[in-house]
Structures are given as C-alpha cells and as structure tokens.
C-alpha cells in the first residue's frame, strides 16, 4: 500500500532496507509460529508483522533468543519494536513479498502498545483472481476465505519419509467460484471437531499463509 513516511521516530515497513539496524516500528503481530531447527535442535520463532499501512514483513527469532522474546509477543497485539538485523528475504516459501526480513537480536526492544491501530490480519486473495492467473506463484503464501461446500475422507500418504494425513475440502466464494483446500494432520482433527459441533450450520473458513497451486486445472491451497 502506498503512503508517506511515518511521523517522528517511527518508520514504515516499506522504508526498511540494509542501511541501518536501528529501525523503530509500530506493528501488529499477524501470526506467530515455531519452526523446528532439526540440524541444531530447538526451534526458531517466526512472526509476520504489519504496520499502520498494512504492509507486511517477516521477522525471525533464532534459537538462543526464543526464551527471551516468546513471552513478550502475542498474535493480534500491537507493539513498538526497534533494533533489528535486516537480512535479505531468504525464505523458500515467503510469508510476505517484502525484499527483507527482520532478525531479533539481544538488543532488540519490544514494548506493548495499548492504542488504536489499523487491523489488517488477513490479506485475502479473490478466487477469481487466482483462477485467472496462468502461472501461480506457489512460493508466496496467501490468505483466502470461503464457504466449505465439499470434503473428502482423510487419507494417509508417505511424504519425504513421513506419514502425513491429508483431507481435501472445496471452498466457494460469494460469486460461486470454487477452489480446493488441503488440510494436514492436526488441522483435520480441529476441522472435524468444529463440524461436529456446528449443528448443520454453514461453515466458512479463513485459510492463512497457504500455498496456491494448480492441479488438473483446479486451484488448490495447501
């Protein structure tokens, strides 16, 4: 989203580059999750942040700093954050289109803000737009919303020497456009538990940070 420079000491995410490590931001936390660091043991803490304009950037907390920062941040809360390492966006599957990512270090500072702040928790992609793209960028993770109009029985597959459970859903938007959606492992249990308590009411699903890919002419998120 286009905009002007933020006032005072605060920068906009669109301004971030390699020129300094003292960036000061006001951001909302869109998503927090952990990624297993198999080679070294332990996990990294991953975050997606957005500023007042809705521009997003990915942030990572490496294993030695996780215990320090994990108690300080919660999803959908607003924070002042400053002092980061700025790295090229090295993600294979990117949570944002920003050229850079932020790395928290020991001198990074995080302060919770109790203030009115724009809320852009979802960057929803229209089904029609996805279907119209001849070549989908399956390396950029996206958000979609749709009504669940079909589902298949869960199946078990061996993927990369690991046993995985998968279940295919069909999502429909308000114009009748449809895409597929694949749920994995624990998300299948959560979905089925919700369905069992929904008492035959319509079910709408927001899918956050999923890959989009075309399979046999149909767009799937997974």
C-alpha atoms as a PDB file:
ATOM      1  CA  UNK A   1       0.000   0.000   0.000  1.00  0.00           C
ATOM      2  CA  UNK A   2       1.341   3.404  -0.969  1.00  0.00           C
ATOM      3  CA  UNK A   3       1.830   6.048   1.658  1.00  0.00           C
ATOM      4  CA  UNK A   4       4.011   8.753   3.094  1.00  0.00           C
ATOM      5  CA  UNK A   5       6.735   8.445   5.642  1.00  0.00           C
ATOM      6  CA  UNK A   6       5.569   7.831   9.183  1.00  0.00           C
ATOM      7  CA  UNK A   7       5.983  10.802  11.501  1.00  0.00           C
ATOM      8  CA  UNK A   8       8.642  11.170  14.164  1.00  0.00           C
ATOM      9  CA  UNK A   9      10.906   8.307  15.146  1.00  0.00           C
ATOM     10  CA  UNK A  10       8.687   5.608  13.630  1.00  0.00           C
ATOM     11  CA  UNK A  11       9.399   4.154  10.211  1.00  0.00           C
ATOM     12  CA  UNK A  12       7.107   2.347   7.817  1.00  0.00           C
ATOM     13  CA  UNK A  13       7.865  -1.214   6.815  1.00  0.00           C
ATOM     14  CA  UNK A  14       8.102  -0.107   3.177  1.00  0.00           C
ATOM     15  CA  UNK A  15      11.141   2.020   4.124  1.00  0.00           C
ATOM     16  CA  UNK A  16      13.180  -0.844   5.596  1.00  0.00           C
ATOM     17  CA  UNK A  17      16.450  -1.725   3.894  1.00  0.00           C
ATOM     18  CA  UNK A  18      20.058  -2.620   4.763  1.00  0.00           C
ATOM     19  CA  UNK A  19      21.139   0.938   5.582  1.00  0.00           C
ATOM     20  CA  UNK A  20      20.774   0.661   9.362  1.00  0.00           C
ATOM     21  CA  UNK A  21      19.906  -1.638  12.252  1.00  0.00           C
ATOM     22  CA  UNK A  22      18.111   0.938  14.403  1.00  0.00           C
ATOM     23  CA  UNK A  23      14.722   0.808  12.684  1.00  0.00           C
ATOM     24  CA  UNK A  24      11.859   1.679  15.042  1.00  0.00           C
ATOM     25  CA  UNK A  25       8.419   0.330  14.119  1.00  0.00           C
ATOM     26  CA  UNK A  26       4.862   0.265  15.371  1.00  0.00           C
ATOM     27  CA  UNK A  27       3.347  -3.028  14.248  1.00  0.00           C
ATOM     28  CA  UNK A  28       0.586  -5.522  14.815  1.00  0.00           C
ATOM     29  CA  UNK A  29       1.536  -9.210  15.047  1.00  0.00           C
ATOM     30  CA  UNK A  30      -0.380 -11.116  12.365  1.00  0.00           C
ATOM     31  CA  UNK A  31       0.976 -14.585  13.053  1.00  0.00           C
ATOM     32  CA  UNK A  32       3.431 -16.333  15.390  1.00  0.00           C
ATOM     33  CA  UNK A  33       4.649 -19.882  14.920  1.00  0.00           C
ATOM     34  CA  UNK A  34       7.675 -22.049  15.609  1.00  0.00           C
ATOM     35  CA  UNK A  35       9.794 -23.913  13.085  1.00  0.00           C
ATOM     36  CA  UNK A  36      11.869 -26.913  14.088  1.00  0.00           C
ATOM     37  CA  UNK A  37      15.596 -26.438  13.590  1.00  0.00           C
ATOM     38  CA  UNK A  38      16.364 -30.110  13.063  1.00  0.00           C
ATOM     39  CA  UNK A  39      20.071 -29.773  12.410  1.00  0.00           C
ATOM     40  CA  UNK A  40      20.788 -27.813  15.598  1.00  0.00           C
ATOM     41  CA  UNK A  41      17.928 -28.792  17.875  1.00  0.00           C
ATOM     42  CA  UNK A  42      15.393 -26.378  19.269  1.00  0.00           C
ATOM     43  CA  UNK A  43      13.041 -24.110  17.346  1.00  0.00           C
ATOM     44  CA  UNK A  44      13.097 -20.695  15.748  1.00  0.00           C
ATOM     45  CA  UNK A  45      10.241 -18.291  16.419  1.00  0.00           C
ATOM     46  CA  UNK A  46       8.705 -16.836  13.257  1.00  0.00           C
ATOM     47  CA  UNK A  47       6.426 -13.788  13.046  1.00  0.00           C
ATOM     48  CA  UNK A  48       4.507 -11.859  10.417  1.00  0.00           C
ATOM     49  CA  UNK A  49       4.079  -8.157  11.247  1.00  0.00           C
ATOM     50  CA  UNK A  50       2.121  -5.325   9.636  1.00  0.00           C
ATOM     51  CA  UNK A  51       2.381  -1.571  10.081  1.00  0.00           C
ATOM     52  CA  UNK A  52      -0.257   1.170  10.015  1.00  0.00           C
ATOM     53  CA  UNK A  53      -0.499   0.914   6.219  1.00  0.00           C
ATOM     54  CA  UNK A  54      -0.973  -2.848   6.232  1.00  0.00           C
ATOM     55  CA  UNK A  55       2.459  -3.525   4.724  1.00  0.00           C
ATOM     56  CA  UNK A  56       3.865  -6.807   5.987  1.00  0.00           C
ATOM     57  CA  UNK A  57       7.314  -8.070   6.851  1.00  0.00           C
ATOM     58  CA  UNK A  58       8.572 -11.368   8.261  1.00  0.00           C
ATOM     59  CA  UNK A  59      10.609 -11.487  11.468  1.00  0.00           C
ATOM     60  CA  UNK A  60      12.604 -14.351  12.923  1.00  0.00           C
ATOM     61  CA  UNK A  61      13.917 -15.049  16.417  1.00  0.00           C
ATOM     62  CA  UNK A  62      16.795 -17.520  16.376  1.00  0.00           C
ATOM     63  CA  UNK A  63      17.009 -20.284  18.959  1.00  0.00           C
ATOM     64  CA  UNK A  64      19.242 -18.500  21.545  1.00  0.00           C
ATOM     65  CA  UNK A  65      16.755 -15.603  21.776  1.00  0.00           C
ATOM     66  CA  UNK A  66      13.438 -17.517  21.727  1.00  0.00           C
ATOM     67  CA  UNK A  67      13.117 -17.770  25.523  1.00  0.00           C
ATOM     68  CA  UNK A  68      13.654 -14.007  25.785  1.00  0.00           C
ATOM     69  CA  UNK A  69      11.098 -12.871  23.208  1.00  0.00           C
ATOM     70  CA  UNK A  70       8.413 -15.572  23.172  1.00  0.00           C
ATOM     71  CA  UNK A  71       6.697 -14.272  26.366  1.00  0.00           C
ATOM     72  CA  UNK A  72       6.753 -10.706  25.020  1.00  0.00           C
ATOM     73  CA  UNK A  73       4.624 -11.095  21.883  1.00  0.00           C
ATOM     74  CA  UNK A  74       1.108 -12.316  21.155  1.00  0.00           C
ATOM     75  CA  UNK A  75      -0.890 -12.509  17.938  1.00  0.00           C
ATOM     76  CA  UNK A  76      -3.165  -9.547  17.133  1.00  0.00           C
ATOM     77  CA  UNK A  77      -1.417  -7.304  19.679  1.00  0.00           C
ATOM     78  CA  UNK A  78       0.305  -4.023  18.838  1.00  0.00           C
ATOM     79  CA  UNK A  79       3.931  -3.313  19.748  1.00  0.00           C
ATOM     80  CA  UNK A  80       6.706  -0.808  19.405  1.00  0.00           C
ATOM     81  CA  UNK A  81       9.788  -2.659  18.217  1.00  0.00           C
ATOM     82  CA  UNK A  82      13.268  -1.404  17.425  1.00  0.00           C
ATOM     83  CA  UNK A  83      16.831  -2.527  16.689  1.00  0.00           C
ATOM     84  CA  UNK A  84      16.970  -5.450  14.269  1.00  0.00           C
ATOM     85  CA  UNK A  85      19.330  -7.163  11.911  1.00  0.00           C
ATOM     86  CA  UNK A  86      17.993  -6.675   8.382  1.00  0.00           C
ATOM     87  CA  UNK A  87      18.521  -9.660   6.087  1.00  0.00           C
ATOM     88  CA  UNK A  88      17.606 -10.471   2.515  1.00  0.00           C
ATOM     89  CA  UNK A  89      14.357 -12.428   2.386  1.00  0.00           C
ATOM     90  CA  UNK A  90      15.827 -15.918   2.157  1.00  0.00           C
ATOM     91  CA  UNK A  91      12.568 -17.829   2.701  1.00  0.00           C
ATOM     92  CA  UNK A  92      11.773 -20.531   0.170  1.00  0.00           C
ATOM     93  CA  UNK A  93       8.057 -20.096   0.869  1.00  0.00           C
ATOM     94  CA  UNK A  94       7.631 -16.414   1.602  1.00  0.00           C
ATOM     95  CA  UNK A  95       5.064 -15.123   4.080  1.00  0.00           C
ATOM     96  CA  UNK A  96       5.378 -11.615   2.590  1.00  0.00           C
ATOM     97  CA  UNK A  97       6.575 -10.075  -0.659  1.00  0.00           C
ATOM     98  CA  UNK A  98       8.987  -7.751   1.187  1.00  0.00           C
ATOM     99  CA  UNK A  99      12.594  -7.877  -0.014  1.00  0.00           C
ATOM    100  CA  UNK A 100      13.883  -8.145   3.556  1.00  0.00           C
ATOM    101  CA  UNK A 101      13.210  -9.925   6.825  1.00  0.00           C
ATOM    102  CA  UNK A 102      13.995  -8.802  10.368  1.00  0.00           C
ATOM    103  CA  UNK A 103      16.062 -10.804  12.829  1.00  0.00           C
ATOM    104  CA  UNK A 104      15.627 -10.159  16.539  1.00  0.00           C
ATOM    105  CA  UNK A 105      18.888  -9.846  18.453  1.00  0.00           C
ATOM    106  CA  UNK A 106      19.732  -9.340  22.119  1.00  0.00           C
ATOM    107  CA  UNK A 107      19.431  -5.546  21.810  1.00  0.00           C
ATOM    108  CA  UNK A 108      16.025  -5.666  20.106  1.00  0.00           C
ATOM    109  CA  UNK A 109      13.403  -3.934  22.225  1.00  0.00           C
ATOM    110  CA  UNK A 110       9.681  -4.803  22.330  1.00  0.00           C
ATOM    111  CA  UNK A 111       7.036  -2.728  24.161  1.00  0.00           C
ATOM    112  CA  UNK A 112       3.319  -3.483  24.146  1.00  0.00           C
ATOM    113  CA  UNK A 113       1.145  -0.573  22.959  1.00  0.00           C
ATOM    114  CA  UNK A 114      -2.413  -0.005  24.124  1.00  0.00           C
ATOM    115  CA  UNK A 115      -3.580   2.211  21.273  1.00  0.00           C
ATOM    116  CA  UNK A 116      -5.913   2.367  18.307  1.00  0.00           C
ATOM    117  CA  UNK A 117      -4.125   0.770  15.373  1.00  0.00           C
ATOM    118  CA  UNK A 118      -5.279  -0.457  11.951  1.00  0.00           C
ATOM    119  CA  UNK A 119      -6.081  -4.156  11.741  1.00  0.00           C
ATOM    120  CA  UNK A 120      -5.025  -5.996   8.584  1.00  0.00           C
ATOM    121  CA  UNK A 121      -4.842  -9.538   9.937  1.00  0.00           C
ATOM    122  CA  UNK A 122      -5.735 -11.090   6.572  1.00  0.00           C
ATOM    123  CA  UNK A 123      -4.526 -10.315   3.058  1.00  0.00           C
ATOM    124  CA  UNK A 124      -7.338 -12.081   1.234  1.00  0.00           C
ATOM    125  CA  UNK A 125      -6.906 -13.148  -2.400  1.00  0.00           C
ATOM    126  CA  UNK A 126     -10.104 -13.394  -4.506  1.00  0.00           C
ATOM    127  CA  UNK A 127     -10.782 -16.829  -6.002  1.00  0.00           C
ATOM    128  CA  UNK A 128     -11.442 -15.282  -9.418  1.00  0.00           C
ATOM    129  CA  UNK A 129      -8.017 -13.625  -9.408  1.00  0.00           C
ATOM    130  CA  UNK A 130      -6.288 -16.905  -8.517  1.00  0.00           C
ATOM    131  CA  UNK A 131      -8.169 -18.794 -11.221  1.00  0.00           C
ATOM    132  CA  UNK A 132      -7.283 -16.175 -13.833  1.00  0.00           C
ATOM    133  CA  UNK A 133      -3.531 -16.432 -13.224  1.00  0.00           C
ATOM    134  CA  UNK A 134      -1.962 -18.750 -15.767  1.00  0.00           C
ATOM    135  CA  UNK A 135       1.134 -19.214 -13.600  1.00  0.00           C
ATOM    136  CA  UNK A 136       0.520 -19.178  -9.851  1.00  0.00           C
ATOM    137  CA  UNK A 137       3.366 -18.123  -7.569  1.00  0.00           C
ATOM    138  CA  UNK A 138       3.356 -21.074  -5.181  1.00  0.00           C
ATOM    139  CA  UNK A 139       6.354 -19.632  -3.317  1.00  0.00           C
ATOM    140  CA  UNK A 140       4.314 -16.718  -1.887  1.00  0.00           C
ATOM    141  CA  UNK A 141       1.915 -17.780   0.875  1.00  0.00           C
ATOM    142  CA  UNK A 142      -1.587 -16.305   0.701  1.00  0.00           C
ATOM    143  CA  UNK A 143      -4.853 -15.928   2.642  1.00  0.00           C
ATOM    144  CA  UNK A 144      -8.292 -16.899   1.317  1.00  0.00           C
ATOM    145  CA  UNK A 145     -11.820 -17.138   2.717  1.00  0.00           C
ATOM    146  CA  UNK A 146     -14.655 -19.328   1.507  1.00  0.00           C
ATOM    147  CA  UNK A 147     -17.651 -21.441   2.395  1.00  0.00           C
ATOM    148  CA  UNK A 148     -16.953 -25.164   2.783  1.00  0.00           C
ATOM    149  CA  UNK A 149     -19.167 -26.875   0.182  1.00  0.00           C
ATOM    150  CA  UNK A 150     -17.443 -30.255  -0.038  1.00  0.00           C
ATOM    151  CA  UNK A 151     -14.988 -32.533   1.710  1.00  0.00           C
ATOM    152  CA  UNK A 152     -13.385 -35.911   1.137  1.00  0.00           C
ATOM    153  CA  UNK A 153     -12.452 -38.556   3.666  1.00  0.00           C
ATOM    154  CA  UNK A 154      -8.967 -38.143   5.180  1.00  0.00           C
ATOM    155  CA  UNK A 155      -6.177 -40.094   3.504  1.00  0.00           C
ATOM    156  CA  UNK A 156      -2.732 -41.140   4.664  1.00  0.00           C
ATOM    157  CA  UNK A 157       0.342 -40.605   2.482  1.00  0.00           C
ATOM    158  CA  UNK A 158       4.080 -41.016   2.984  1.00  0.00           C
ATOM    159  CA  UNK A 159       5.757 -37.725   2.057  1.00  0.00           C
ATOM    160  CA  UNK A 160       9.522 -37.290   2.444  1.00  0.00           C
ATOM    161  CA  UNK A 161       9.635 -40.491   4.524  1.00  0.00           C
ATOM    162  CA  UNK A 162       6.997 -39.146   6.928  1.00  0.00           C
ATOM    163  CA  UNK A 163       3.434 -40.366   7.305  1.00  0.00           C
ATOM    164  CA  UNK A 164       1.019 -37.479   6.776  1.00  0.00           C
ATOM    165  CA  UNK A 165      -2.781 -37.248   6.963  1.00  0.00           C
ATOM    166  CA  UNK A 166      -4.485 -35.115   4.326  1.00  0.00           C
ATOM    167  CA  UNK A 167      -8.082 -34.120   3.683  1.00  0.00           C
ATOM    168  CA  UNK A 168      -9.400 -32.266   0.638  1.00  0.00           C
ATOM    169  CA  UNK A 169     -12.041 -29.546   1.015  1.00  0.00           C
ATOM    170  CA  UNK A 170     -13.840 -27.438  -1.579  1.00  0.00           C
ATOM    171  CA  UNK A 171     -14.262 -23.734  -0.795  1.00  0.00           C
ATOM    172  CA  UNK A 172     -16.720 -21.438  -2.568  1.00  0.00           C
ATOM    173  CA  UNK A 173     -16.832 -17.638  -2.614  1.00  0.00           C
ATOM    174  CA  UNK A 174     -19.898 -15.392  -2.763  1.00  0.00           C
ATOM    175  CA  UNK A 175     -19.861 -15.471  -6.593  1.00  0.00           C
ATOM    176  CA  UNK A 176     -19.830 -19.263  -6.824  1.00  0.00           C
ATOM    177  CA  UNK A 177     -16.124 -19.561  -7.721  1.00  0.00           C
ATOM    178  CA  UNK A 178     -14.505 -22.628  -6.200  1.00  0.00           C
ATOM    179  CA  UNK A 179     -11.013 -23.706  -5.195  1.00  0.00           C
ATOM    180  CA  UNK A 180      -9.647 -26.751  -3.400  1.00  0.00           C
ATOM    181  CA  UNK A 181      -8.077 -26.692   0.044  1.00  0.00           C
ATOM    182  CA  UNK A 182      -5.899 -29.389   1.627  1.00  0.00           C
ATOM    183  CA  UNK A 183      -5.837 -29.768   5.408  1.00  0.00           C
ATOM    184  CA  UNK A 184      -2.937 -31.573   7.080  1.00  0.00           C
ATOM    185  CA  UNK A 185      -2.615 -33.657  10.238  1.00  0.00           C
ATOM    186  CA  UNK A 186      -3.906 -31.864  13.367  1.00  0.00           C
ATOM    187  CA  UNK A 187      -5.903 -29.357  11.313  1.00  0.00           C
ATOM    188  CA  UNK A 188      -8.071 -32.261  10.140  1.00  0.00           C
ATOM    189  CA  UNK A 189      -8.978 -33.119  13.733  1.00  0.00           C
ATOM    190  CA  UNK A 190      -9.698 -29.467  14.555  1.00  0.00           C
ATOM    191  CA  UNK A 191     -11.905 -29.116  11.472  1.00  0.00           C
ATOM    192  CA  UNK A 192     -13.860 -32.304  12.154  1.00  0.00           C
ATOM    193  CA  UNK A 193     -14.385 -31.324  15.799  1.00  0.00           C
ATOM    194  CA  UNK A 194     -15.761 -27.978  14.663  1.00  0.00           C
ATOM    195  CA  UNK A 195     -18.070 -29.618  12.111  1.00  0.00           C
ATOM    196  CA  UNK A 196     -19.412 -31.989  14.767  1.00  0.00           C
ATOM    197  CA  UNK A 197     -20.446 -29.010  16.912  1.00  0.00           C
ATOM    198  CA  UNK A 198     -21.729 -26.827  14.057  1.00  0.00           C
ATOM    199  CA  UNK A 199     -25.218 -28.393  14.091  1.00  0.00           C
ATOM    200  CA  UNK A 200     -25.501 -28.367  10.286  1.00  0.00           C
ATOM    201  CA  UNK A 201     -24.835 -24.625  10.073  1.00  0.00           C
ATOM    202  CA  UNK A 202     -22.861 -23.274   7.063  1.00  0.00           C
ATOM    203  CA  UNK A 203     -19.112 -23.380   7.668  1.00  0.00           C
ATOM    204  CA  UNK A 204     -16.844 -20.591   6.463  1.00  0.00           C
ATOM    205  CA  UNK A 205     -13.082 -20.972   6.604  1.00  0.00           C
ATOM    206  CA  UNK A 206     -10.252 -18.454   6.547  1.00  0.00           C
ATOM    207  CA  UNK A 207      -7.065 -20.091   5.285  1.00  0.00           C
ATOM    208  CA  UNK A 208      -3.969 -18.138   6.309  1.00  0.00           C
ATOM    209  CA  UNK A 209      -0.462 -18.405   4.835  1.00  0.00           C
ATOM    210  CA  UNK A 210      -1.170 -21.285   2.457  1.00  0.00           C
ATOM    211  CA  UNK A 211       0.463 -22.137  -0.860  1.00  0.00           C
ATOM    212  CA  UNK A 212      -1.638 -21.855  -4.015  1.00  0.00           C
ATOM    213  CA  UNK A 213      -1.055 -24.342  -6.819  1.00  0.00           C
ATOM    214  CA  UNK A 214      -2.942 -25.578  -9.849  1.00  0.00           C
ATOM    215  CA  UNK A 215      -3.671 -29.308 -10.105  1.00  0.00           C
ATOM    216  CA  UNK A 216      -5.579 -30.727 -13.080  1.00  0.00           C
ATOM    217  CA  UNK A 217      -6.948 -27.284 -13.853  1.00  0.00           C
ATOM    218  CA  UNK A 218      -8.165 -26.579 -10.314  1.00  0.00           C
ATOM    219  CA  UNK A 219      -6.565 -24.092  -7.911  1.00  0.00           C
ATOM    220  CA  UNK A 220      -5.674 -25.696  -4.567  1.00  0.00           C
ATOM    221  CA  UNK A 221      -4.370 -24.138  -1.372  1.00  0.00           C
ATOM    222  CA  UNK A 222      -2.269 -26.337   0.901  1.00  0.00           C
END
